[in-house]
C-alpha cells in the first residue's frame, strides 16, 4: 500500500488507514444520531409513566416504545459497534482495512434498514412492539428493514475478521492479538451467531407479512426470536468489556494483571452467553423443568463468571496503575487521586458499577426460574436492562467517544468542563432511573403499560403513594439522564463542527 493511504496518530503512534478512518467516522456519527432520536423518545416515555404528567396518549406511547427499543437497543449500539470493530482491527493492528467497499455496503444496508424500520413505526405500520410476537403483524417492509440491518451488520463482522487475516499476513503486529481486539473478536463471533438467528426468524416472518407464505407459527417465532432479541445484547457486553480495558489503558495506563484469565472470560462469553437468552422462555410450558434448571442454574452462571472476572480485573488493573504512579498512602489514596475530572475515566467507573452491581446482579436474580415467573412481566425487567445496556454499555461507549473525537476525527473536545460533568448526569440519572423502575416493579407495576392509575385506561389500578413516588423518581431521573445524553450529543456535534483541529 502506498504511504498516502495512512497517517500516523501523534498521540498513540498507530498507523491509521484513511478508508478505515472514514468508515469509523460515518458509523460513529450515525450511531449518535440514533442515540439522539432514541433519547428524545425515551424522555417522552418516562414522562408518560410519571402519572402526574402522563404526556402521551396510548397510541403514541406504544408507538414510541417500539421506536425507543429499535433506536437504542439496536441502531445506536450496533452502529457504534461497527466503528469499534474497524478501530480494533485496522487501527489497533496498524493494518489496512480489508475490502472497504464491503464496509460501505455494511453502512448503507444498516442505514437503509434502520431508517425503514423507523418510518414503518412512526407511520403506524408496525404497532407490534420491539418483540413483534406473531400473530401480531407489521407491514412487510418493517421486517425487511430488520433483515437489511442484520445483513449489513454481518458484513461488518466479515470485514473485521478479514482485516485480522490481512494484519496477520502482512505482519503489522507481533505476538498475540491485543486484548481489546480479542474482546472485539468475541463480540463479532457472538454477533454472527445472533444475527444468523435473526435471519432465520425474520425472513419467513417477512414472507408471511407479504402474503407469500400462509402462516407463521407463533411458538417457533417466539423461540427463535430470543436467539436474536436477547443475544444481540450479549454482543454489547463483549464490546463494552473490550472498551473497559481500552479506557483503563487510555486514562491511567492500566494493564490487565493476567491477560490469559481475561481472554478465558471472553471465551466463556462465546460458549455460554447466548444460552442465557432462554430466560425469556422460562414461563413457557414447552421446556422441561430439568432443562430450565440446567440453563438458569449452570450454563447461565458460566457467562456470569466471565463478567465477574472482568468486573474484578478492570478495577484491579486500575488500582495497580495508580499505585505505580505513587498514590500508595493508605488503602484508598489511589482511588482519591484517580482522574475523576476525565470524562473517559468517570464513564469507565460508572459503566462498571452500573453494569456490574446494578444490572448484573439483578440479571442473575431475575434470570432464575422461580423469580422469573414473578418478575418477568413487571418493571423489574426493564429496570434491569436499562442498568446493563444504558448505565453499562451506553456509558462505556460515551466514555470512549471522548477519545475517538481527537484520535479519529482529529478535533479537540469543546467545553471540557461540561464534558467532565456529562457522565455524572447521564450515569447517575440512569442508575436512579433503573433503581426506581425495579422498585416499582417489586410492587407489581407491569411493564409496557401506558396507564397505571386508571385515568381512562383498562386496568383501573391504584398502587398507592409509594408506587406513585417511584414513578415520579423515574420521570425526574429520566429528565436528568436525558440532559446528560443531550449534552453528550451537543458536545460531540459541536466538537466535529467547531473543535480545534489536532495536528496529525
Protein backbone atom coordinates (compact mmCIF):
# COMPACT_ATOMS: atom_id res chain seq x y z
CA UNK A 1 0.00 0.00 0.00
CA UNK A 2 1.27 3.50 -0.79
CA UNK A 3 2.11 5.76 2.12
CA UNK A 4 -0.64 8.31 1.35
CA UNK A 5 -3.25 5.74 2.45
CA UNK A 6 -2.10 6.08 6.04
CA UNK A 7 -1.49 8.71 8.67
CA UNK A 8 0.30 8.28 11.99
CA UNK A 9 -1.63 9.32 15.09
CA UNK A 10 0.66 11.64 17.11
CA UNK A 11 -0.91 10.56 20.41
CA UNK A 12 -0.96 6.76 20.10
CA UNK A 13 1.55 6.14 17.33
CA UNK A 14 -0.98 3.98 15.46
CA UNK A 15 -0.97 3.94 11.68
CA UNK A 16 -4.50 4.84 10.59
CA UNK A 17 -5.74 3.62 7.22
CA UNK A 18 -7.69 6.51 5.70
CA UNK A 19 -10.54 4.32 4.42
CA UNK A 20 -10.93 2.70 7.83
CA UNK A 21 -10.95 6.14 9.43
CA UNK A 22 -13.75 7.34 7.16
CA UNK A 23 -15.89 4.29 7.86
CA UNK A 24 -15.31 4.69 11.60
CA UNK A 25 -16.41 8.32 11.37
CA UNK A 26 -19.60 7.60 9.41
CA UNK A 27 -20.69 4.72 11.66
CA UNK A 28 -19.95 6.69 14.83
CA UNK A 29 -21.81 9.82 13.70
CA UNK A 30 -24.83 7.79 12.57
CA UNK A 31 -24.90 5.99 15.90
CA UNK A 32 -25.08 9.33 17.73
CA UNK A 33 -27.99 10.42 15.52
CA UNK A 34 -29.93 7.30 16.52
CA UNK A 35 -28.94 7.89 20.16
CA UNK A 36 -30.44 11.37 19.95
CA UNK A 37 -33.68 10.09 18.42
CA UNK A 38 -33.96 7.26 20.93
CA UNK A 39 -33.18 9.59 23.83
CA UNK A 40 -35.88 12.11 22.87
CA UNK A 41 -38.43 9.33 22.51
CA UNK A 42 -37.29 7.74 25.78
CA UNK A 43 -37.79 11.02 27.65
CA UNK A 44 -41.42 11.20 26.47
CA UNK A 45 -41.95 7.62 27.65
CA UNK A 46 -40.53 8.36 31.12
CA UNK A 47 -42.77 11.42 31.40
CA UNK A 48 -45.75 9.30 30.37
CA UNK A 49 -45.08 6.66 33.03
CA UNK A 50 -44.87 9.50 35.56
CA UNK A 51 -48.60 9.54 36.23
CA UNK A 52 -48.71 13.19 37.28
CA UNK A 53 -47.51 14.18 33.79
CA UNK A 54 -48.82 11.33 31.60
CA UNK A 55 -47.58 13.01 28.43
CA UNK A 56 -48.55 10.68 25.57
CA UNK A 57 -51.82 9.02 24.66
CA UNK A 58 -51.94 5.24 24.46
CA UNK A 59 -51.39 5.03 20.68
CA UNK A 60 -48.23 7.13 20.64
CA UNK A 61 -46.93 5.65 23.86
CA UNK A 62 -46.72 2.18 22.35
CA UNK A 63 -45.50 3.52 19.02
CA UNK A 64 -42.70 5.46 20.72
CA UNK A 65 -41.90 2.45 22.91
CA UNK A 66 -41.25 0.40 19.76
CA UNK A 67 -39.10 3.16 18.26
CA UNK A 68 -37.17 3.61 21.50
CA UNK A 69 -36.28 -0.08 21.58
CA UNK A 70 -35.13 -0.16 17.96
CA UNK A 71 -33.21 3.12 18.10
CA UNK A 72 -31.43 2.47 21.39
CA UNK A 73 -31.12 -1.30 21.78
CA UNK A 74 -30.26 -1.93 18.12
CA UNK A 75 -29.35 1.06 15.93
CA UNK A 76 -27.28 3.27 18.28
CA UNK A 77 -25.34 0.39 19.75
CA UNK A 78 -24.73 -1.70 16.62
CA UNK A 79 -23.64 1.28 14.51
CA UNK A 80 -21.18 2.22 17.26
CA UNK A 81 -20.00 -1.39 17.47
CA UNK A 82 -19.21 -1.34 13.75
CA UNK A 83 -16.94 1.65 14.43
CA UNK A 84 -15.38 -0.24 17.33
CA UNK A 85 -14.74 -3.32 15.16
CA UNK A 86 -12.97 -1.28 12.49
CA UNK A 87 -10.96 0.56 15.13
CA UNK A 88 -10.00 -2.63 16.97
CA UNK A 89 -8.82 -4.29 13.76
CA UNK A 90 -7.40 -1.74 11.32
CA UNK A 91 -6.24 0.94 13.77
CA UNK A 92 -5.01 -1.04 16.77
CA UNK A 93 -3.27 -3.57 14.50
CA UNK A 94 -1.78 -0.82 12.24
CA UNK A 95 -3.37 -2.55 9.27
CA UNK A 96 -5.26 -1.57 6.17
CA UNK A 97 -8.96 -2.36 6.23
CA UNK A 98 -9.86 -5.38 4.15
CA UNK A 99 -12.39 -4.69 1.36
CA UNK A 100 -13.53 -1.17 2.29
CA UNK A 101 -16.29 -1.41 -0.31
CA UNK A 102 -17.89 -4.17 1.76
CA UNK A 103 -17.67 -1.82 4.74
CA UNK A 104 -19.59 0.80 2.79
CA UNK A 105 -22.16 -1.82 1.82
CA UNK A 106 -22.47 -2.63 5.53
CA UNK A 107 -23.09 1.02 6.32
CA UNK A 108 -25.67 1.56 3.57
CA UNK A 109 -27.62 -1.62 4.37
CA UNK A 110 -27.75 -0.74 8.07
CA UNK A 111 -28.70 2.88 7.34
CA UNK A 112 -31.48 1.96 4.90
CA UNK A 113 -32.71 -0.85 7.16
CA UNK A 114 -32.73 1.30 10.29
CA UNK A 115 -34.47 4.19 8.53
CA UNK A 116 -37.06 1.84 7.02
CA UNK A 117 -37.91 0.35 10.40
CA UNK A 118 -38.23 3.83 11.97
CA UNK A 119 -40.53 5.06 9.19
CA UNK A 120 -42.77 1.99 9.45
CA UNK A 121 -43.12 2.52 13.20
CA UNK A 122 -43.82 6.26 13.02
CA UNK A 123 -46.41 5.85 10.24
CA UNK A 124 -48.37 3.31 12.26
CA UNK A 125 -47.47 0.36 10.06
CA UNK A 126 -45.61 -1.53 12.80
CA UNK A 127 -47.56 -1.23 16.05
CA UNK A 128 -46.20 -4.59 17.21
CA UNK A 129 -43.69 -3.55 19.90
CA UNK A 130 -39.99 -4.49 19.92
CA UNK A 131 -40.69 -8.23 20.18
CA UNK A 132 -43.32 -8.20 17.38
CA UNK A 133 -44.72 -11.55 18.52
CA UNK A 134 -46.71 -13.44 15.92
CA UNK A 135 -49.70 -13.35 15.28
CA UNK A 136 -49.19 -9.57 15.56
CA UNK A 137 -48.35 -8.47 12.03
CA UNK A 138 -46.50 -5.38 10.86
CA UNK A 139 -46.08 -4.13 7.30
CA UNK A 140 -43.68 -6.39 5.43
CA UNK A 141 -41.24 -3.50 4.95
CA UNK A 142 -40.71 -3.42 8.72
CA UNK A 143 -39.33 -6.95 8.67
CA UNK A 144 -37.37 -6.22 5.50
CA UNK A 145 -35.72 -3.27 7.29
CA UNK A 146 -34.62 -5.50 10.16
CA UNK A 147 -33.24 -8.06 7.70
CA UNK A 148 -31.27 -5.41 5.79
CA UNK A 149 -29.87 -4.05 9.05
CA UNK A 150 -28.85 -7.53 10.23
CA UNK A 151 -27.21 -8.44 6.92
CA UNK A 152 -25.26 -5.18 6.98
CA UNK A 153 -24.01 -5.89 10.50
CA UNK A 154 -22.93 -9.40 9.45
CA UNK A 155 -20.93 -7.86 6.59
CA UNK A 156 -19.22 -5.54 9.08
CA UNK A 157 -18.17 -8.57 11.12
CA UNK A 158 -16.84 -10.25 7.96
CA UNK A 159 -14.74 -7.16 7.18
CA UNK A 160 -13.42 -7.23 10.76
CA UNK A 161 -12.27 -10.86 10.52
CA UNK A 162 -10.84 -10.32 7.04
CA UNK A 163 -8.82 -7.41 8.41
CA UNK A 164 -7.43 -9.67 11.14
CA UNK A 165 -6.28 -12.04 8.40
CA UNK A 166 -4.70 -9.16 6.45
CA UNK A 167 -2.90 -7.87 9.55
CA UNK A 168 -1.56 -11.33 10.33
CA UNK A 169 -0.45 -11.96 6.75
CA UNK A 170 1.20 -8.56 6.39
CA UNK A 171 2.75 -8.79 9.87
CA UNK A 172 1.52 -5.41 11.04
CA UNK A 173 1.67 -6.63 14.66
CA UNK A 174 3.64 -9.22 16.59
CA UNK A 175 2.59 -11.81 19.14
CA UNK A 176 -0.99 -12.47 20.17
CA UNK A 177 -3.91 -10.24 19.34
CA UNK A 178 -4.15 -7.30 21.74
CA UNK A 179 -6.76 -7.90 24.42
CA UNK A 180 -9.06 -5.19 23.08
CA UNK A 181 -9.03 -6.76 19.63
CA UNK A 182 -9.50 -10.22 21.15
CA UNK A 183 -12.59 -8.96 23.01
CA UNK A 184 -13.91 -7.35 19.83
CA UNK A 185 -13.43 -10.69 18.06
CA UNK A 186 -15.55 -12.35 20.77
CA UNK A 187 -18.24 -9.71 20.19
CA UNK A 188 -18.11 -10.31 16.44
CA UNK A 189 -18.46 -14.10 16.85
CA UNK A 190 -21.47 -13.62 19.12
CA UNK A 191 -22.85 -11.12 16.58
CA UNK A 192 -22.69 -13.61 13.72
CA UNK A 193 -24.46 -16.25 15.83
CA UNK A 194 -27.09 -13.75 16.93
CA UNK A 195 -27.74 -12.14 13.56
CA UNK A 196 -27.98 -15.53 11.89
CA UNK A 197 -30.75 -16.41 14.36
CA UNK A 198 -32.43 -13.15 13.41
CA UNK A 199 -32.27 -14.02 9.73
CA UNK A 200 -33.76 -17.46 10.42
CA UNK A 201 -36.77 -15.95 12.18
CA UNK A 202 -37.35 -12.71 10.28
CA UNK A 203 -37.06 -13.97 6.70
CA UNK A 204 -40.08 -16.30 6.96
CA UNK A 205 -41.94 -13.66 9.03
CA UNK A 206 -41.31 -11.13 6.23
CA UNK A 207 -42.64 -13.61 3.66
CA UNK A 208 -45.70 -14.21 5.86
CA UNK A 209 -46.35 -10.47 6.25
CA UNK A 210 -46.01 -10.02 2.48
CA UNK A 211 -48.59 -12.76 1.88
CA UNK A 212 -46.14 -15.12 0.19
CA UNK A 213 -46.48 -17.89 2.76
CA UNK A 214 -49.81 -18.53 4.55
CA UNK A 215 -48.82 -18.89 8.18
CA UNK A 216 -46.02 -18.25 10.68
CA UNK A 217 -46.03 -20.46 13.76
CA UNK A 218 -46.15 -18.25 16.86
CA UNK A 219 -44.28 -20.70 19.12
CA UNK A 220 -41.47 -21.17 16.60
CA UNK A 221 -41.24 -17.40 16.21
CA UNK A 222 -41.02 -16.82 19.96
CA UNK A 223 -38.33 -19.48 20.37
CA UNK A 224 -36.16 -18.23 17.52
CA UNK A 225 -36.73 -14.53 18.18
CA UNK A 226 -34.93 -14.63 21.50
CA UNK A 227 -31.88 -16.14 19.85
CA UNK A 228 -31.73 -12.70 18.24
CA UNK A 229 -33.54 -10.40 20.66
CA UNK A 230 -31.55 -11.09 23.81
CA UNK A 231 -28.30 -12.33 22.30
CA UNK A 232 -27.94 -9.02 20.50
CA UNK A 233 -27.39 -7.52 23.94
CA UNK A 234 -24.64 -10.05 24.58
CA UNK A 235 -22.74 -8.56 21.65
CA UNK A 236 -22.91 -5.34 23.61
CA UNK A 237 -21.50 -6.97 26.72
CA UNK A 238 -18.38 -8.26 24.95
CA UNK A 239 -17.87 -4.94 23.13
CA UNK A 240 -18.42 -2.98 26.35
CA UNK A 241 -15.86 -5.02 28.27
CA UNK A 242 -13.33 -4.52 25.47
CA UNK A 243 -13.87 -0.78 25.80
CA UNK A 244 -13.41 -1.06 29.57
CA UNK A 245 -9.90 -2.38 29.02
CA UNK A 246 -9.19 0.28 26.40
CA UNK A 247 -10.45 3.09 28.65
CA UNK A 248 -8.44 1.78 31.59
CA UNK A 249 -5.31 1.92 29.43
CA UNK A 250 -6.02 5.33 27.92
CA UNK A 251 -7.00 7.02 31.19
CA UNK A 252 -4.47 5.68 33.71
CA UNK A 253 -2.16 3.39 31.72
CA UNK A 254 -3.65 0.23 33.27
CA UNK A 255 -2.51 -3.20 32.07
CA UNK A 256 -4.51 -6.35 32.97
CA UNK A 257 -2.76 -8.35 35.68
CA UNK A 258 -3.42 -11.66 33.91
CA UNK A 259 -4.39 -11.46 30.26
CA UNK A 260 -4.86 -15.23 29.98
CA UNK A 261 -7.65 -15.13 32.54
CA UNK A 262 -9.27 -12.18 30.75
CA UNK A 263 -9.11 -13.99 27.42
CA UNK A 264 -10.62 -17.09 29.02
CA UNK A 265 -13.50 -14.96 30.25
CA UNK A 266 -14.19 -13.78 26.68
CA UNK A 267 -14.23 -17.43 25.54
CA UNK A 268 -16.81 -18.18 28.25
CA UNK A 269 -18.96 -15.44 26.75
CA UNK A 270 -18.80 -17.09 23.33
CA UNK A 271 -19.66 -20.53 24.70
CA UNK A 272 -22.40 -19.71 27.18
CA UNK A 273 -23.77 -16.20 26.98
CA UNK A 274 -26.22 -16.89 24.14
CA UNK A 275 -27.75 -19.75 26.13
CA UNK A 276 -28.88 -17.24 28.74
CA UNK A 277 -31.37 -15.91 26.16
CA UNK A 278 -33.71 -18.72 27.17
CA UNK A 279 -34.63 -16.91 30.38
CA UNK A 280 -37.25 -15.14 28.26
CA UNK A 281 -38.90 -18.53 27.76
CA UNK A 282 -38.81 -19.85 31.32
CA UNK A 283 -42.54 -19.27 31.76
CA UNK A 284 -43.31 -21.31 28.63
CA UNK A 285 -44.52 -24.89 29.15
CA UNK A 286 -42.50 -26.30 26.26
CA UNK A 287 -39.27 -26.78 28.23
CA UNK A 288 -38.84 -29.41 30.90
CA UNK A 289 -38.01 -28.49 34.49
CA UNK A 290 -34.61 -30.17 34.12
CA UNK A 291 -33.83 -28.09 31.02
CA UNK A 292 -34.75 -24.86 32.80
CA UNK A 293 -32.68 -25.81 35.84
CA UNK A 294 -29.58 -26.55 33.79
CA UNK A 295 -30.00 -23.32 31.84
CA UNK A 296 -30.57 -20.95 34.74
CA UNK A 297 -28.60 -22.80 37.40
CA UNK A 298 -25.47 -23.82 35.50
CA UNK A 299 -24.91 -22.64 31.91
CA UNK A 300 -26.01 -19.06 32.53
CA UNK A 301 -23.70 -18.76 35.51
CA UNK A 302 -20.65 -19.65 33.42
CA UNK A 303 -21.34 -16.45 31.48
CA UNK A 304 -21.86 -14.67 34.80
CA UNK A 305 -18.45 -15.96 35.90
CA UNK A 306 -16.91 -14.26 32.85
CA UNK A 307 -18.47 -10.94 33.82
CA UNK A 308 -17.23 -11.35 37.39
CA UNK A 309 -13.69 -11.91 36.12
CA UNK A 310 -13.82 -8.69 34.12
CA UNK A 311 -15.51 -6.81 36.98
CA UNK A 312 -12.55 -7.64 39.22
CA UNK A 313 -9.84 -7.42 36.56
CA UNK A 314 -10.54 -3.86 35.38
CA UNK A 315 -10.58 -2.22 38.86
CA UNK A 316 -7.53 -4.26 39.91
CA UNK A 317 -5.54 -3.13 36.89
CA UNK A 318 -6.65 0.45 37.52
CA UNK A 319 -5.56 0.31 41.18
CA UNK A 320 -2.15 -1.13 40.32
CA UNK A 321 -1.58 1.52 37.65
CA UNK A 322 -2.46 4.36 40.01
CA UNK A 323 -0.30 2.93 42.81
CA UNK A 324 2.63 2.77 40.38
CA UNK A 325 2.12 6.50 39.86
CA UNK A 326 2.91 6.99 43.55
CA UNK A 327 -0.55 7.00 45.12
CA UNK A 328 0.30 4.47 47.82
CA UNK A 329 -0.64 6.14 51.11
CA UNK A 330 -3.37 4.19 52.89
CA UNK A 331 -5.78 1.76 51.33
CA UNK A 332 -7.64 4.20 49.09
CA UNK A 333 -5.36 7.11 48.17
CA UNK A 334 -5.17 5.68 44.66
CA UNK A 335 -8.96 5.98 44.40
CA UNK A 336 -8.97 9.52 45.77
CA UNK A 337 -6.24 10.60 43.35
CA UNK A 338 -7.85 8.97 40.32
CA UNK A 339 -8.55 11.35 37.39
CA UNK A 340 -12.22 11.90 38.21
CA UNK A 341 -12.34 15.02 36.07
CA UNK A 342 -11.53 12.94 32.98
CA UNK A 343 -14.89 12.00 31.39
CA UNK A 344 -13.34 8.83 30.00
CA UNK A 345 -12.35 7.64 33.45
CA UNK A 346 -15.61 8.59 35.17
CA UNK A 347 -17.54 6.91 32.35
CA UNK A 348 -15.49 3.75 32.89
CA UNK A 349 -16.20 3.67 36.62
CA UNK A 350 -19.90 4.42 36.21
CA UNK A 351 -20.19 1.77 33.49
CA UNK A 352 -18.55 -0.89 35.66
CA UNK A 353 -20.74 -0.02 38.65
CA UNK A 354 -23.95 0.31 36.62
CA UNK A 355 -23.45 -2.90 34.70
CA UNK A 356 -21.81 -4.99 37.40
CA UNK A 357 -23.64 -4.11 40.59
CA UNK A 358 -27.00 -2.77 39.44
CA UNK A 359 -27.55 -4.64 36.19
CA UNK A 360 -25.51 -7.82 36.50
CA UNK A 361 -26.57 -8.86 39.98
CA UNK A 362 -30.25 -8.21 39.28
CA UNK A 363 -29.92 -10.13 36.00
CA UNK A 364 -28.71 -13.20 37.85
CA UNK A 365 -31.62 -12.89 40.29
CA UNK A 366 -34.32 -12.32 37.69
CA UNK A 367 -32.89 -15.00 35.42
CA UNK A 368 -33.66 -17.85 37.83
CA UNK A 369 -36.83 -19.75 37.03
CA UNK A 370 -38.80 -19.19 40.23
CA UNK A 371 -38.22 -15.42 40.42
CA UNK A 372 -38.55 -15.05 36.67
CA UNK A 373 -42.13 -16.31 36.81
CA UNK A 374 -42.97 -13.49 39.25
CA UNK A 375 -40.81 -10.70 37.79
CA UNK A 376 -40.82 -11.15 34.04
CA UNK A 377 -43.84 -9.02 33.18
CA UNK A 378 -43.30 -6.15 35.59
CA UNK A 379 -40.96 -3.16 35.64
CA UNK A 380 -38.15 -5.04 37.35
CA UNK A 381 -37.01 -6.44 33.99
CA UNK A 382 -36.81 -3.09 32.12
CA UNK A 383 -35.09 -1.71 35.22
CA UNK A 384 -32.50 -4.47 34.93
CA UNK A 385 -31.73 -3.99 31.25
CA UNK A 386 -31.65 -0.21 31.48
CA UNK A 387 -28.87 -0.74 34.04
CA UNK A 388 -26.94 -3.13 31.78
CA UNK A 389 -27.48 -1.62 28.34
CA UNK A 390 -27.72 2.07 29.23
CA UNK A 391 -25.87 2.65 32.52
CA UNK A 392 -23.40 -0.02 31.38
CA UNK A 393 -22.91 -0.26 27.62
CA UNK A 394 -24.02 3.22 26.56
CA UNK A 395 -21.95 4.79 29.35
CA UNK A 396 -18.84 2.93 28.14
CA UNK A 397 -19.47 3.94 24.52
CA UNK A 398 -19.86 7.57 25.56
CA UNK A 399 -16.60 7.33 27.51
CA UNK A 400 -14.56 6.09 24.57
CA UNK A 401 -16.10 8.78 22.34
CA UNK A 402 -14.16 11.46 24.23
CA UNK A 403 -11.01 9.73 22.93
CA UNK A 404 -12.38 8.90 19.48
CA UNK A 405 -13.07 12.56 18.73
CA UNK A 406 -9.39 13.64 18.86
CA UNK A 407 -7.97 10.30 17.65
CA UNK A 408 -10.30 9.59 14.70
CA UNK A 409 -11.90 12.96 13.92
CA UNK A 410 -8.79 14.98 14.85
CA UNK A 411 -10.75 17.56 16.84
CA UNK A 412 -10.23 18.74 20.41
CA UNK A 413 -13.32 18.33 22.58
CA UNK A 414 -15.05 21.66 23.12
CA UNK A 415 -16.15 22.71 26.63
CA UNK A 416 -14.07 20.10 28.52
CA UNK A 417 -15.55 21.11 31.91
CA UNK A 418 -19.04 20.38 30.61
CA UNK A 419 -17.76 17.10 29.19
CA UNK A 420 -16.49 16.22 32.69
CA UNK A 421 -19.98 16.77 34.11
CA UNK A 422 -21.79 14.79 31.42
CA UNK A 423 -21.05 11.23 32.66
CA UNK A 424 -22.31 12.05 36.16
CA UNK A 425 -25.58 13.44 34.84
CA UNK A 426 -26.21 10.60 32.43
CA UNK A 427 -24.81 7.73 34.51
CA UNK A 428 -26.23 8.95 37.81
CA UNK A 429 -29.62 9.66 36.26
CA UNK A 430 -29.80 6.23 34.63
CA UNK A 431 -28.83 4.39 37.81
CA UNK A 432 -31.56 6.19 39.74
CA UNK A 433 -33.98 5.57 36.86
CA UNK A 434 -33.23 1.83 36.85
CA UNK A 435 -33.47 1.59 40.63
CA UNK A 436 -36.86 3.34 40.66
CA UNK A 437 -38.07 1.05 37.87
CA UNK A 438 -37.09 -2.08 39.77
CA UNK A 439 -38.60 -0.71 42.99
CA UNK A 440 -41.92 -0.03 41.26
CA UNK A 441 -41.79 -3.46 39.64
CA UNK A 442 -41.34 -5.02 43.06
CA UNK A 443 -44.77 -3.64 43.94
CA UNK A 444 -46.28 -5.22 40.83
CA UNK A 445 -46.24 -2.36 38.35
CA UNK A 446 -46.38 -4.02 34.95
CA UNK A 447 -44.05 -3.26 32.08
CA UNK A 448 -45.31 -1.80 28.81
CA UNK A 449 -48.38 -0.31 30.50
CA UNK A 450 -49.41 3.14 29.36
CA UNK A 451 -51.73 3.98 32.28
CA UNK A 452 -51.15 2.64 35.78
CA UNK A 453 -53.74 4.59 37.75
CA UNK A 454 -56.73 4.03 35.54
CA UNK A 455 -57.03 7.62 34.34
CA UNK A 456 -59.05 6.37 31.41
CA UNK A 457 -57.37 3.06 30.76
CA UNK A 458 -58.47 -0.56 31.18
CA UNK A 459 -56.59 -1.52 34.35
CA UNK A 460 -58.19 0.74 36.98
CA UNK A 461 -55.42 0.01 39.49
CA UNK A 462 -54.22 2.42 42.16
CA UNK A 463 -50.94 1.22 43.66
CA UNK A 464 -50.73 3.94 46.27
CA UNK A 465 -48.25 6.68 47.17
CA UNK A 466 -45.08 4.53 47.27
CA UNK A 467 -45.50 3.46 43.67
CA UNK A 468 -46.53 6.97 42.64
CA UNK A 469 -43.28 8.22 44.20
CA UNK A 470 -41.27 5.55 42.36
CA UNK A 471 -42.80 6.51 39.02
CA UNK A 472 -42.15 10.19 39.80
CA UNK A 473 -38.49 9.38 40.54
CA UNK A 474 -38.39 7.55 37.21
CA UNK A 475 -39.64 10.66 35.46
CA UNK A 476 -37.29 13.07 37.25
CA UNK A 477 -34.20 10.86 36.90
CA UNK A 478 -35.17 10.26 33.26
CA UNK A 479 -35.05 14.04 32.72
CA UNK A 480 -31.60 14.18 34.36
CA UNK A 481 -30.31 11.31 32.23
CA UNK A 482 -31.81 12.88 29.10
CA UNK A 483 -29.99 16.12 29.96
CA UNK A 484 -26.72 14.18 30.21
CA UNK A 485 -27.45 12.47 26.89
CA UNK A 486 -28.29 15.80 25.25
CA UNK A 487 -25.02 17.32 26.49
CA UNK A 488 -23.14 14.34 25.04
CA UNK A 489 -24.77 14.72 21.62
CA UNK A 490 -24.36 18.51 21.69
CA UNK A 491 -20.66 18.36 22.58
CA UNK A 492 -19.99 15.63 20.02
CA UNK A 493 -21.60 17.65 17.23
CA UNK A 494 -20.01 20.92 18.41
CA UNK A 495 -16.60 19.24 18.51
CA UNK A 496 -16.99 17.99 14.94
CA UNK A 497 -18.07 21.41 13.69
CA UNK A 498 -16.07 23.82 15.85
CA UNK A 499 -13.41 21.84 17.71
CA UNK A 500 -9.82 22.92 17.26
CA UNK A 501 -8.00 20.73 14.77
CA UNK A 502 -5.49 18.23 16.11
CA UNK A 503 -2.30 18.04 14.07
CA UNK A 504 -1.73 14.61 12.55
